[in-house]
Protein backbone atom coordinates (compact mmCIF):
# COMPACT_ATOMS: atom_id res chain seq x y z
CA MET A 1 -5.03 32.39 -6.98
CA LYS A 2 -2.20 31.89 -4.49
CA ARG A 3 -3.15 28.21 -4.23
CA VAL A 4 -3.13 27.78 -8.02
CA LEU A 5 0.17 29.63 -8.52
CA THR A 6 1.89 27.65 -5.78
CA ALA A 7 0.72 24.38 -7.36
CA LEU A 8 1.81 25.48 -10.85
CA ILE A 9 5.30 26.23 -9.56
CA LEU A 10 5.79 23.17 -7.37
CA ALA A 11 4.21 20.44 -9.52
CA PRO A 12 6.69 20.64 -12.46
CA VAL A 13 9.65 20.79 -10.06
CA VAL A 14 8.43 17.68 -8.25
CA LEU A 15 7.85 15.73 -11.50
CA VAL A 16 11.32 16.67 -12.81
CA LEU A 17 12.80 15.30 -9.58
CA VAL A 18 10.76 12.11 -9.92
CA PHE A 19 12.04 11.34 -13.42
CA LEU A 20 15.55 12.80 -13.47
CA ALA A 21 16.96 13.01 -9.94
CA PRO A 22 19.31 10.30 -8.59
CA LYS A 23 18.31 8.19 -5.61
CA TRP A 24 20.27 10.26 -3.08
CA LEU A 25 18.63 13.50 -4.20
CA ILE A 26 15.11 12.03 -4.07
CA THR A 27 15.81 10.69 -0.58
CA LEU A 28 17.25 14.02 0.56
CA ALA A 29 14.31 16.01 -0.86
CA VAL A 30 11.67 13.78 0.73
CA ALA A 31 13.57 13.77 4.03
CA ALA A 32 13.63 17.58 4.00
CA VAL A 33 9.87 17.69 3.40
CA ALA A 34 9.34 15.17 6.21
CA MET A 35 11.43 17.23 8.63
CA MET A 36 9.55 20.45 7.80
CA ALA A 37 6.22 18.69 8.25
CA ALA A 38 7.42 17.12 11.52
CA TRP A 39 8.43 20.54 12.83
CA GLU A 40 4.90 21.77 12.20
CA PHE A 41 3.38 18.67 13.81
CA LEU A 42 5.50 19.13 16.90
CA GLY A 43 4.19 22.70 17.07
CA LEU A 44 0.66 21.26 17.14
CA ALA A 45 1.71 18.89 19.93
CA GLU A 46 3.00 21.82 21.97
CA ARG A 47 -0.46 23.36 21.83
CA CYS A 48 -1.77 20.19 23.51
CA ALA A 49 0.41 20.48 26.64
CA ALA A 50 3.33 18.45 25.29
CA LYS A 51 6.81 19.81 24.60
CA PRO A 52 8.58 17.16 22.53
CA PRO A 53 12.32 17.53 21.81
CA ARG A 54 12.13 18.98 18.31
CA ILE A 55 15.80 18.64 17.39
CA ALA A 56 15.96 15.04 18.62
CA VAL A 57 12.90 14.13 16.53
CA LEU A 58 14.33 15.79 13.42
CA VAL A 59 17.61 13.95 13.92
CA ALA A 60 15.69 10.68 14.28
CA ILE A 61 13.82 11.34 11.01
CA ALA A 62 17.09 12.16 9.23
CA MET A 63 18.65 8.95 10.57
CA LEU A 64 15.60 6.94 9.47
CA PHE A 65 15.95 8.15 5.88
CA ALA A 66 19.73 7.71 5.92
CA GLY A 67 19.38 4.19 7.32
CA ASN A 68 16.79 3.28 4.69
CA TYR A 69 19.09 4.64 1.98
CA GLU A 70 22.06 2.55 3.12
CA TRP A 71 20.28 -0.55 4.47
CA PRO A 72 16.76 -0.73 2.99
CA ASP A 73 16.27 -4.28 4.28
CA GLN A 74 16.78 -3.13 7.88
CA THR A 75 14.24 -0.30 7.90
CA THR A 76 11.97 -1.87 10.52
CA SER A 77 14.88 -2.51 12.87
CA ILE A 78 16.15 1.05 12.40
CA LEU A 79 12.70 2.44 13.18
CA GLY A 80 12.54 0.37 16.36
CA ILE A 81 15.98 1.51 17.51
CA LEU A 82 15.10 5.16 16.91
CA CYS A 83 11.82 4.79 18.84
CA VAL A 84 13.67 3.31 21.79
CA GLY A 85 16.20 6.15 21.54
CA LEU A 86 13.47 8.79 21.66
CA ILE A 87 11.88 7.11 24.69
CA ALA A 88 15.25 7.10 26.47
CA TYR A 89 15.89 10.72 25.54
CA CYS A 90 12.51 11.86 26.88
CA THR A 91 12.94 9.74 30.02
CA PHE A 92 16.15 11.46 31.07
CA ARG A 93 15.80 14.94 29.52
CA THR A 94 12.12 15.77 30.11
CA PRO A 95 10.41 16.76 33.39
CA VAL A 96 8.83 13.61 34.78
CA GLU A 97 5.27 14.96 34.64
CA ARG A 98 5.64 15.45 30.87
CA VAL A 99 7.51 12.27 29.87
CA LEU A 100 4.43 10.43 28.59
CA ALA A 101 3.16 13.30 26.44
CA ASP A 102 6.61 14.16 25.06
CA ALA A 103 7.64 10.58 24.29
CA ALA A 104 4.29 9.74 22.69
CA SER A 105 4.24 12.82 20.46
CA SER A 106 7.90 12.31 19.49
CA ILE A 107 7.43 8.70 18.42
CA PHE A 108 4.16 9.53 16.67
CA ALA A 109 5.90 12.27 14.68
CA LEU A 110 8.64 9.82 13.65
CA PHE A 111 6.07 7.31 12.42
CA TYR A 112 3.33 9.63 11.15
CA VAL A 113 5.61 11.82 9.06
CA GLY A 114 8.95 10.02 8.73
CA PHE A 115 8.07 6.36 8.25
CA THR A 116 5.10 7.06 5.98
CA LEU A 117 6.92 9.45 3.64
CA MET A 118 9.89 7.10 3.46
CA THR A 119 7.79 4.92 1.17
CA VAL A 120 8.08 7.58 -1.56
CA PRO A 121 11.81 6.99 -2.28
CA MET A 122 11.16 3.27 -1.79
CA LEU A 123 8.51 3.39 -4.54
CA ARG A 124 10.88 5.41 -6.72
CA GLU A 125 13.48 2.62 -6.58
CA GLN A 126 11.16 -0.04 -8.00
CA SER A 127 11.55 -1.19 -11.61
CA ASN A 128 8.86 1.26 -12.76
CA GLY A 129 9.51 3.65 -9.89
CA PRO A 130 9.04 6.99 -11.69
CA SER A 131 5.71 5.74 -13.02
CA LEU A 132 4.59 4.67 -9.54
CA VAL A 133 5.46 8.00 -7.93
CA THR A 134 3.86 9.91 -10.81
CA PHE A 135 0.74 7.76 -10.40
CA LEU A 136 0.70 8.48 -6.66
CA LEU A 137 1.08 12.24 -7.02
CA CYS A 138 -1.35 12.66 -9.92
CA VAL A 139 -4.01 10.51 -8.25
CA VAL A 140 -3.76 12.51 -5.02
CA TRP A 141 -3.63 15.88 -6.76
CA ALA A 142 -6.53 15.10 -9.11
CA GLY A 143 -8.63 13.81 -6.23
CA ASP A 144 -7.96 16.98 -4.23
CA ILE A 145 -8.91 19.27 -7.13
CA ALA A 146 -12.03 17.26 -8.03
CA ALA A 147 -13.21 17.23 -4.41
CA LEU A 148 -12.82 21.00 -4.20
CA TYR A 149 -14.87 21.86 -7.28
CA VAL A 150 -17.45 19.06 -7.14
CA GLY A 151 -18.04 19.75 -3.46
CA ARG A 152 -18.52 23.47 -4.07
CA MET A 153 -20.92 22.94 -6.95
CA TRP A 154 -23.03 20.00 -5.78
CA GLY A 155 -22.04 19.19 -2.23
CA ARG A 156 -24.86 19.25 0.31
CA ARG A 157 -24.51 16.46 2.85
CA LYS A 158 -21.46 16.89 5.11
CA LEU A 159 -18.92 14.07 5.20
CA ALA A 160 -17.37 14.67 8.62
CA PRO A 161 -18.55 18.04 9.96
CA ALA A 162 -16.77 17.65 13.29
CA LEU A 163 -13.42 17.24 11.51
CA SER A 164 -13.73 19.25 8.30
CA PRO A 165 -16.99 21.15 7.85
CA ASN A 166 -16.37 21.95 4.17
CA LYS A 167 -16.07 18.35 2.99
CA THR A 168 -19.17 16.68 1.56
CA TRP A 169 -20.14 13.20 0.42
CA MET A 170 -20.55 14.48 -3.13
CA GLY A 171 -17.09 16.03 -3.02
CA SER A 172 -15.68 12.74 -1.74
CA ALA A 173 -17.32 10.82 -4.58
CA GLY A 174 -16.03 13.40 -7.07
CA SER A 175 -12.57 12.97 -5.60
CA VAL A 176 -12.62 9.22 -6.27
CA ALA A 177 -13.89 9.82 -9.80
CA GLY A 178 -11.18 12.41 -10.45
CA SER A 179 -8.43 10.06 -9.27
CA VAL A 180 -9.74 7.18 -11.42
CA ALA A 181 -10.02 9.50 -14.41
CA VAL A 182 -6.45 10.76 -14.12
CA ALA A 183 -5.24 7.17 -13.74
CA GLY A 184 -6.94 6.41 -17.06
CA VAL A 185 -5.22 9.41 -18.62
CA LEU A 186 -1.85 8.19 -17.35
CA LEU A 187 -2.47 4.73 -18.81
CA GLY A 188 -3.32 6.25 -22.17
CA LEU A 189 -0.31 8.57 -22.07
CA ALA A 190 2.00 5.69 -21.19
CA ALA A 191 0.69 3.73 -24.17
CA LEU A 192 1.35 6.68 -26.50
CA LEU A 193 4.89 7.10 -25.14
CA ALA A 194 5.68 3.38 -25.14
CA HIS A 195 8.18 3.75 -28.00
CA TRP A 196 10.08 6.46 -26.12
CA ASP A 197 12.34 4.70 -23.63
CA SER A 198 13.41 8.05 -22.17
CA ALA A 199 9.83 8.77 -21.08
CA ARG A 200 10.04 6.05 -18.40
CA LEU A 201 6.26 6.05 -17.97
CA SER A 202 5.02 2.47 -17.98
CA PHE A 203 2.19 0.51 -16.37
CA VAL A 204 2.44 -2.68 -18.45
CA ASP A 205 3.30 -4.92 -15.48
CA SER A 206 -0.40 -5.06 -14.47
CA PRO A 207 -3.74 -4.95 -16.35
CA TRP A 208 -5.51 -1.63 -16.83
CA TRP A 209 -8.29 -2.45 -14.39
CA TYR A 210 -5.73 -3.01 -11.59
CA TRP A 211 -4.49 0.57 -11.90
CA LEU A 212 -8.00 2.04 -11.95
CA LEU A 213 -8.96 0.04 -8.86
CA LEU A 214 -5.69 1.02 -7.19
CA ALA A 215 -6.39 4.68 -7.96
CA ALA A 216 -9.69 4.42 -6.07
CA VAL A 217 -8.00 2.72 -3.09
CA VAL A 218 -5.19 5.29 -2.97
CA ASN A 219 -7.76 8.09 -3.19
CA VAL A 220 -9.70 6.76 -0.20
CA ALA A 221 -6.45 6.55 1.77
CA ALA A 222 -5.62 10.13 0.77
CA GLN A 223 -9.02 11.37 1.93
CA VAL A 224 -8.59 9.60 5.28
CA GLY A 225 -5.14 11.17 5.58
CA ASP A 226 -6.62 14.60 4.96
CA LEU A 227 -9.31 14.08 7.60
CA ALA A 228 -6.76 12.69 10.08
CA GLU A 229 -4.64 15.83 9.80
CA SER A 230 -7.76 17.97 10.16
CA ALA A 231 -8.57 16.10 13.38
CA LEU A 232 -5.06 16.78 14.69
CA LYS A 233 -5.35 20.49 13.89
CA ARG A 234 -8.77 20.75 15.52
CA SER A 235 -7.41 18.98 18.57
CA ALA A 236 -4.71 21.66 18.73
CA GLY A 237 -7.18 24.47 18.03
CA VAL A 238 -5.63 25.77 14.80
CA LYS A 239 -6.83 26.11 11.20
CA ASP A 240 -3.48 25.51 9.44
CA SER A 241 -0.33 23.73 10.54
CA GLY A 242 1.78 26.64 9.28
CA ASN A 243 2.06 29.32 6.59
CA LEU A 244 5.02 28.06 4.58
CA LEU A 245 3.15 27.65 1.27
CA PRO A 246 0.94 30.56 0.09
CA GLY A 247 -2.65 29.42 -0.30
CA HIS A 248 -1.91 25.96 1.09
CA GLY A 249 -0.97 26.62 4.72
CA GLY A 250 1.95 24.65 6.06
CA MET A 251 3.94 21.75 4.65
CA LEU A 252 1.91 19.30 6.73
CA ASP A 253 -1.28 20.72 5.21
CA ARG A 254 0.10 20.11 1.73
CA ILE A 255 1.24 16.50 2.24
CA ASP A 256 -1.40 15.23 4.67
CA ALA A 257 -3.04 13.06 2.00
CA LEU A 258 0.31 11.56 0.97
CA LEU A 259 1.02 10.43 4.52
CA LEU A 260 -1.50 7.61 4.12
CA ALA A 261 -1.71 7.35 0.33
CA ALA A 262 2.02 6.65 -0.15
CA PRO A 263 2.27 3.69 2.27
CA VAL A 264 -1.04 2.27 0.96
CA LEU A 265 0.34 2.29 -2.59
CA TRP A 266 3.61 0.76 -1.38
CA TYR A 267 1.96 -2.08 0.50
CA ALA A 268 -0.56 -2.65 -2.29
CA GLN A 269 2.36 -3.15 -4.68
CA VAL A 270 4.11 -5.44 -2.22
CA ILE A 271 0.97 -7.58 -1.81
CA HIS A 272 0.31 -7.56 -5.57
């Protein structure tokens, strides 16, 4: 019940931001989420004998989002500069026996949480940006819900027992089906709302089959992202990354699927 109530409260707020918020507010909101998730990840790293400079990493993530907001064409260069800065910081401010672990976990946090989530405001700024972000969120959410219920009802064969013992092959297949189904619903809804310009929900720039195929690809990326975060938590010996969201664990637990799904959608659009 806590899980359901948390989702019912957060989902409408997120969708309102997607459709109505200005660029600076979207960027600020996603950056705040990234920084909270990074804080939790750095806590996991500390359980693995590292002690990364938390404040320096959060500052680097904030600067990455700010740089992308002001100079979107220079994002790769900004990321490189920040990585070099974190290496230098760890070199001179960390005990020498811990430099490798601290620098590696700091840079990984910047990339794993900051760089990947930065694609969300980048998607939002495309010509059909609100539709793309809505597609991303609904595909990931629907896949998560379908995997939960299909896996509980019919799941037998474990998908990756060493990483996540509750996930099954049947649940994984149900997750893909759920994502494709909700993509179809979005396409139908966009067609119904086509005469309402204020709705801003449009997928007419590509054929219907492209969006259904893309939903399956994004779903697979989301499932890999979920398993990757599970592997990180098991490596650190914890069940949840935090307890920020009732029924969901920490912020990193809630967005783990997005960390791979968002950049996959972004690069799929770029290639397309």
